[in-house]
Amino acid sequence: MDVHATDNLPVLRDYNTIINGVFSSFVALSRKIGGELPTMIDHVTCLFDAQQKFIQKALQSKKP
């Protein structure tokens, strides 16, 4: 299964909805507040990106 095929699966659609909705607002507000939050949000964003890639790889993998 290629990456584009997995993008249409419910689990990734739902995950992307979270990232593009609530999480995006959280990122914007954190950057606006400033202080140490922009540094923290960079780390959290990396974690969300890694989780998304993990889900994509898991969906592309065959069962052992």
PDB file of N, CA and C in Angstrom:
ATOM      1  N   MET A   1       0.854  -1.171   0.000  1.00  0.00           N
ATOM      2  CA  MET A   1       0.000   0.000   0.000  1.00  0.00           C
ATOM      3  C   MET A   1       0.903   1.238   0.000  1.00  0.00           C
ATOM      4  N   ASP A   2       0.676   2.157  -0.927  1.00  0.00           N
ATOM      5  CA  ASP A   2       1.529   3.342  -0.969  1.00  0.00           C
ATOM      6  C   ASP A   2       1.038   4.418   0.001  1.00  0.00           C
ATOM      7  N   VAL A   3       1.879   5.430   0.186  1.00  0.00           N
ATOM      8  CA  VAL A   3       1.589   6.487   1.158  1.00  0.00           C
ATOM      9  C   VAL A   3       0.267   7.182   0.844  1.00  0.00           C
ATOM     10  N   HIS A   4       0.017   7.435  -0.429  1.00  0.00           N
ATOM     11  CA  HIS A   4      -1.202   8.159  -0.792  1.00  0.00           C
ATOM     12  C   HIS A   4      -2.449   7.321  -0.530  1.00  0.00           C
ATOM     13  N   ALA A   5      -2.337   6.016  -0.683  1.00  0.00           N
ATOM     14  CA  ALA A   5      -3.479   5.143  -0.399  1.00  0.00           C
ATOM     15  C   ALA A   5      -3.796   5.139   1.094  1.00  0.00           C
ATOM     16  N   THR A   6      -2.772   5.191   1.931  1.00  0.00           N
ATOM     17  CA  THR A   6      -3.005   5.188   3.375  1.00  0.00           C
ATOM     18  C   THR A   6      -3.592   6.512   3.860  1.00  0.00           C
ATOM     19  N   ASP A   7      -3.361   7.595   3.138  1.00  0.00           N
ATOM     20  CA  ASP A   7      -3.887   8.901   3.547  1.00  0.00           C
ATOM     21  C   ASP A   7      -5.416   8.914   3.622  1.00  0.00           C
ATOM     22  N   ASN A   8      -6.063   8.031   2.872  1.00  0.00           N
ATOM     23  CA  ASN A   8      -7.530   8.004   2.831  1.00  0.00           C
ATOM     24  C   ASN A   8      -8.135   7.062   3.863  1.00  0.00           C
ATOM     25  N   LEU A   9      -7.304   6.363   4.619  1.00  0.00           N
ATOM     26  CA  LEU A   9      -7.828   5.468   5.650  1.00  0.00           C
ATOM     27  C   LEU A   9      -8.320   6.284   6.844  1.00  0.00           C
ATOM     28  N   PRO A  10      -9.394   5.826   7.485  1.00  0.00           N
ATOM     29  CA  PRO A  10      -9.992   6.588   8.588  1.00  0.00           C
ATOM     30  C   PRO A  10      -9.012   6.975   9.695  1.00  0.00           C
ATOM     31  N   VAL A  11      -8.102   6.085  10.062  1.00  0.00           N
ATOM     32  CA  VAL A  11      -7.193   6.393  11.165  1.00  0.00           C
ATOM     33  C   VAL A  11      -6.304   7.593  10.829  1.00  0.00           C
ATOM     34  N   LEU A  12      -5.809   7.674   9.602  1.00  0.00           N
ATOM     35  CA  LEU A  12      -4.976   8.825   9.231  1.00  0.00           C
ATOM     36  C   LEU A  12      -5.801  10.072   8.963  1.00  0.00           C
ATOM     37  N   ARG A  13      -6.981   9.908   8.415  1.00  0.00           N
ATOM     38  CA  ARG A  13      -7.864  11.079   8.228  1.00  0.00           C
ATOM     39  C   ARG A  13      -8.182  11.699   9.578  1.00  0.00           C
ATOM     40  N   ASP A  14      -8.511  10.850  10.556  1.00  0.00           N
ATOM     41  CA  ASP A  14      -8.823  11.359  11.890  1.00  0.00           C
ATOM     42  C   ASP A  14      -7.603  12.008  12.536  1.00  0.00           C
ATOM     43  N   TYR A  15      -6.452  11.377  12.386  1.00  0.00           N
ATOM     44  CA  TYR A  15      -5.219  11.933  12.953  1.00  0.00           C
ATOM     45  C   TYR A  15      -4.925  13.299  12.316  1.00  0.00           C
ATOM     46  N   ASN A  16      -5.045  13.375  11.000  1.00  0.00           N
ATOM     47  CA  ASN A  16      -4.808  14.645  10.306  1.00  0.00           C
ATOM     48  C   ASN A  16      -5.821  15.708  10.706  1.00  0.00           C
ATOM     49  N   THR A  17      -7.048  15.310  10.993  1.00  0.00           N
ATOM     50  CA  THR A  17      -8.070  16.252  11.460  1.00  0.00           C
ATOM     51  C   THR A  17      -7.639  16.864  12.789  1.00  0.00           C
ATOM     52  N   ILE A  18      -7.095  16.027  13.665  1.00  0.00           N
ATOM     53  CA  ILE A  18      -6.599  16.534  14.959  1.00  0.00           C
ATOM     54  C   ILE A  18      -5.441  17.496  14.743  1.00  0.00           C
ATOM     55  N   ILE A  19      -4.474  17.091  13.913  1.00  0.00           N
ATOM     56  CA  ILE A  19      -3.297  17.929  13.673  1.00  0.00           C
ATOM     57  C   ILE A  19      -3.681  19.259  13.032  1.00  0.00           C
ATOM     58  N   ASN A  20      -4.592  19.212  12.062  1.00  0.00           N
ATOM     59  CA  ASN A  20      -4.964  20.432  11.345  1.00  0.00           C
ATOM     60  C   ASN A  20      -5.989  21.283  12.088  1.00  0.00           C
ATOM     61  N   GLY A  21      -6.572  20.743  13.135  1.00  0.00           N
ATOM     62  CA  GLY A  21      -7.588  21.473  13.895  1.00  0.00           C
ATOM     63  C   GLY A  21      -7.080  21.912  15.248  1.00  0.00           C
ATOM     64  N   VAL A  22      -7.379  21.113  16.250  1.00  0.00           N
ATOM     65  CA  VAL A  22      -7.055  21.441  17.639  1.00  0.00           C
ATOM     66  C   VAL A  22      -5.557  21.633  17.847  1.00  0.00           C
ATOM     67  N   PHE A  23      -4.759  20.726  17.298  1.00  0.00           N
ATOM     68  CA  PHE A  23      -3.312  20.822  17.503  1.00  0.00           C
ATOM     69  C   PHE A  23      -2.741  22.072  16.836  1.00  0.00           C
ATOM     70  N   SER A  24      -3.229  22.397  15.661  1.00  0.00           N
ATOM     71  CA  SER A  24      -2.777  23.598  14.961  1.00  0.00           C
ATOM     72  C   SER A  24      -3.078  24.857  15.786  1.00  0.00           C
ATOM     73  N   SER A  25      -4.254  24.900  16.399  1.00  0.00           N
ATOM     74  CA  SER A  25      -4.609  26.032  17.270  1.00  0.00           C
ATOM     75  C   SER A  25      -3.684  26.087  18.485  1.00  0.00           C
ATOM     76  N   PHE A  26      -3.396  24.922  19.063  1.00  0.00           N
ATOM     77  CA  PHE A  26      -2.481  24.829  20.200  1.00  0.00           C
ATOM     78  C   PHE A  26      -1.096  25.364  19.834  1.00  0.00           C
ATOM     79  N   VAL A  27      -0.614  24.996  18.660  1.00  0.00           N
ATOM     80  CA  VAL A  27       0.696  25.460  18.192  1.00  0.00           C
ATOM     81  C   VAL A  27       0.691  26.980  18.028  1.00  0.00           C
ATOM     82  N   ALA A  28      -0.330  27.500  17.371  1.00  0.00           N
ATOM     83  CA  ALA A  28      -0.407  28.943  17.131  1.00  0.00           C
ATOM     84  C   ALA A  28      -0.469  29.725  18.445  1.00  0.00           C
ATOM     85  N   LEU A  29      -1.286  29.275  19.376  1.00  0.00           N
ATOM     86  CA  LEU A  29      -1.389  29.966  20.664  1.00  0.00           C
ATOM     87  C   LEU A  29      -0.088  29.878  21.462  1.00  0.00           C
ATOM     88  N   SER A  30       0.553  28.732  21.410  1.00  0.00           N
ATOM     89  CA  SER A  30       1.825  28.558  22.128  1.00  0.00           C
ATOM     90  C   SER A  30       2.881  29.508  21.585  1.00  0.00           C
ATOM     91  N   ARG A  31       2.929  29.645  20.271  1.00  0.00           N
ATOM     92  CA  ARG A  31       3.915  30.565  19.662  1.00  0.00           C
ATOM     93  C   ARG A  31       3.583  32.023  20.015  1.00  0.00           C
ATOM     94  N   LYS A  32       2.288  32.331  20.077  1.00  0.00           N
ATOM     95  CA  LYS A  32       1.862  33.697  20.408  1.00  0.00           C
ATOM     96  C   LYS A  32       2.227  34.048  21.853  1.00  0.00           C
ATOM     97  N   ILE A  33       2.066  33.088  22.764  1.00  0.00           N
ATOM     98  CA  ILE A  33       2.380  33.332  24.172  1.00  0.00           C
ATOM     99  C   ILE A  33       3.869  33.565  24.357  1.00  0.00           C
ATOM    100  N   GLY A  34       4.668  32.790  23.618  1.00  0.00           N
ATOM    101  CA  GLY A  34       6.116  32.995  23.653  1.00  0.00           C
ATOM    102  C   GLY A  34       6.785  32.340  24.844  1.00  0.00           C
ATOM    103  N   GLY A  35       7.851  32.975  25.318  1.00  0.00           N
ATOM    104  CA  GLY A  35       8.631  32.405  26.412  1.00  0.00           C
ATOM    105  C   GLY A  35       9.287  31.109  25.974  1.00  0.00           C
ATOM    106  N   GLU A  36       9.166  30.077  26.785  1.00  0.00           N
ATOM    107  CA  GLU A  36       9.742  28.772  26.456  1.00  0.00           C
ATOM    108  C   GLU A  36       8.787  27.899  25.639  1.00  0.00           C
ATOM    109  N   LEU A  37       7.566  28.353  25.457  1.00  0.00           N
ATOM    110  CA  LEU A  37       6.571  27.559  24.735  1.00  0.00           C
ATOM    111  C   LEU A  37       6.944  27.257  23.289  1.00  0.00           C
ATOM    112  N   PRO A  38       7.509  28.204  22.524  1.00  0.00           N
ATOM    113  CA  PRO A  38       7.888  27.853  21.150  1.00  0.00           C
ATOM    114  C   PRO A  38       8.891  26.699  21.079  1.00  0.00           C
ATOM    115  N   THR A  39       9.834  26.650  21.997  1.00  0.00           N
ATOM    116  CA  THR A  39      10.788  25.546  22.031  1.00  0.00           C
ATOM    117  C   THR A  39      10.071  24.240  22.336  1.00  0.00           C
ATOM    118  N   MET A  40       9.186  24.275  23.328  1.00  0.00           N
ATOM    119  CA  MET A  40       8.434  23.094  23.704  1.00  0.00           C
ATOM    120  C   MET A  40       7.549  22.624  22.551  1.00  0.00           C
ATOM    121  N   ILE A  41       6.892  23.552  21.881  1.00  0.00           N
ATOM    122  CA  ILE A  41       5.977  23.175  20.807  1.00  0.00           C
ATOM    123  C   ILE A  41       6.742  22.594  19.627  1.00  0.00           C
ATOM    124  N   ASP A  42       7.975  23.021  19.404  1.00  0.00           N
ATOM    125  CA  ASP A  42       8.799  22.408  18.350  1.00  0.00           C
ATOM    126  C   ASP A  42       9.014  20.926  18.639  1.00  0.00           C
ATOM    127  N   HIS A  43       9.291  20.602  19.894  1.00  0.00           N
ATOM    128  CA  HIS A  43       9.487  19.198  20.276  1.00  0.00           C
ATOM    129  C   HIS A  43       8.186  18.399  20.147  1.00  0.00           C
ATOM    130  N   VAL A  44       7.096  18.981  20.591  1.00  0.00           N
ATOM    131  CA  VAL A  44       5.804  18.295  20.517  1.00  0.00           C
ATOM    132  C   VAL A  44       5.404  18.084  19.056  1.00  0.00           C
ATOM    133  N   THR A  45       5.657  19.065  18.211  1.00  0.00           N
ATOM    134  CA  THR A  45       5.354  18.943  16.780  1.00  0.00           C
ATOM    135  C   THR A  45       6.165  17.809  16.160  1.00  0.00           C
ATOM    136  N   CYS A  46       7.434  17.691  16.535  1.00  0.00           N
ATOM    137  CA  CYS A  46       8.261  16.586  16.039  1.00  0.00           C
ATOM    138  C   CYS A  46       7.678  15.240  16.459  1.00  0.00           C
ATOM    139  N   LEU A  47       7.177  15.176  17.678  1.00  0.00           N
ATOM    140  CA  LEU A  47       6.565  13.931  18.150  1.00  0.00           C
ATOM    141  C   LEU A  47       5.302  13.587  17.358  1.00  0.00           C
ATOM    142  N   PHE A  48       4.471  14.571  17.093  1.00  0.00           N
ATOM    143  CA  PHE A  48       3.257  14.328  16.319  1.00  0.00           C
ATOM    144  C   PHE A  48       3.602  13.902  14.889  1.00  0.00           C
ATOM    145  N   ASP A  49       4.632  14.518  14.305  1.00  0.00           N
ATOM    146  CA  ASP A  49       5.080  14.132  12.965  1.00  0.00           C
ATOM    147  C   ASP A  49       5.605  12.699  12.948  1.00  0.00           C
ATOM    148  N   ALA A  50       6.388  12.341  13.960  1.00  0.00           N
ATOM    149  CA  ALA A  50       6.920  10.981  14.054  1.00  0.00           C
ATOM    150  C   ALA A  50       5.791   9.972  14.225  1.00  0.00           C
ATOM    151  N   GLN A  51       4.799  10.324  15.020  1.00  0.00           N
ATOM    152  CA  GLN A  51       3.651   9.433  15.222  1.00  0.00           C
ATOM    153  C   GLN A  51       2.896   9.228  13.919  1.00  0.00           C
ATOM    154  N   GLN A  52       2.733  10.276  13.144  1.00  0.00           N
ATOM    155  CA  GLN A  52       2.039  10.177  11.867  1.00  0.00           C
ATOM    156  C   GLN A  52       2.807   9.255  10.916  1.00  0.00           C
ATOM    157  N   LYS A  53       4.122   9.398  10.857  1.00  0.00           N
ATOM    158  CA  LYS A  53       4.947   8.532  10.004  1.00  0.00           C
ATOM    159  C   LYS A  53       4.873   7.082  10.477  1.00  0.00           C
ATOM    160  N   PHE A  54       4.856   6.873  11.797  1.00  0.00           N
ATOM    161  CA  PHE A  54       4.746   5.529  12.349  1.00  0.00           C
ATOM    162  C   PHE A  54       3.420   4.889  11.935  1.00  0.00           C
ATOM    163  N   ILE A  55       2.347   5.637  12.028  1.00  0.00           N
ATOM    164  CA  ILE A  55       1.031   5.113  11.648  1.00  0.00           C
ATOM    165  C   ILE A  55       1.032   4.744  10.161  1.00  0.00           C
ATOM    166  N   GLN A  56       1.608   5.627   9.324  1.00  0.00           N
ATOM    167  CA  GLN A  56       1.672   5.341   7.890  1.00  0.00           C
ATOM    168  C   GLN A  56       2.455   4.057   7.623  1.00  0.00           C
ATOM    169  N   LYS A  57       3.615   3.907   8.262  1.00  0.00           N
ATOM    170  CA  LYS A  57       4.437   2.702   8.076  1.00  0.00           C
ATOM    171  C   LYS A  57       3.700   1.460   8.557  1.00  0.00           C
ATOM    172  N   ALA A  58       3.029   1.570   9.692  1.00  0.00           N
ATOM    173  CA  ALA A  58       2.285   0.431  10.218  1.00  0.00           C
ATOM    174  C   ALA A  58       1.172   0.014   9.262  1.00  0.00           C
ATOM    175  N   LEU A  59       0.515   0.977   8.664  1.00  0.00           N
ATOM    176  CA  LEU A  59      -0.562   0.671   7.726  1.00  0.00           C
ATOM    177  C   LEU A  59      -0.038   0.057   6.430  1.00  0.00           C
ATOM    178  N   GLN A  60       1.192   0.400   6.063  1.00  0.00           N
ATOM    179  CA  GLN A  60       1.801  -0.120   4.840  1.00  0.00           C
ATOM    180  C   GLN A  60       2.410  -1.507   5.046  1.00  0.00           C
ATOM    181  N   SER A  61       2.683  -1.867   6.282  1.00  0.00           N
ATOM    182  CA  SER A  61       3.356  -3.136   6.568  1.00  0.00           C
ATOM    183  C   SER A  61       2.379  -4.302   6.522  1.00  0.00           C
ATOM    184  N   LYS A  62       2.947  -5.441   6.180  1.00  0.00           N
ATOM    185  CA  LYS A  62       2.158  -6.669   6.183  1.00  0.00           C
ATOM    186  C   LYS A  62       2.281  -7.327   7.537  1.00  0.00           C
ATOM    187  N   LYS A  63       1.270  -8.090   7.895  1.00  0.00           N
ATOM    188  CA  LYS A  63       1.314  -8.824   9.159  1.00  0.00           C
ATOM    189  C   LYS A  63       2.419  -9.867   9.082  1.00  0.00           C
ATOM    190  N   PRO A  64       3.123 -10.085  10.206  1.00  0.00           N
ATOM    191  CA  PRO A  64       4.201 -11.089  10.193  1.00  0.00           C
ATOM    192  C   PRO A  64       3.661 -12.501  10.046  1.00  0.00           C
TER     193      PRO A  64
END
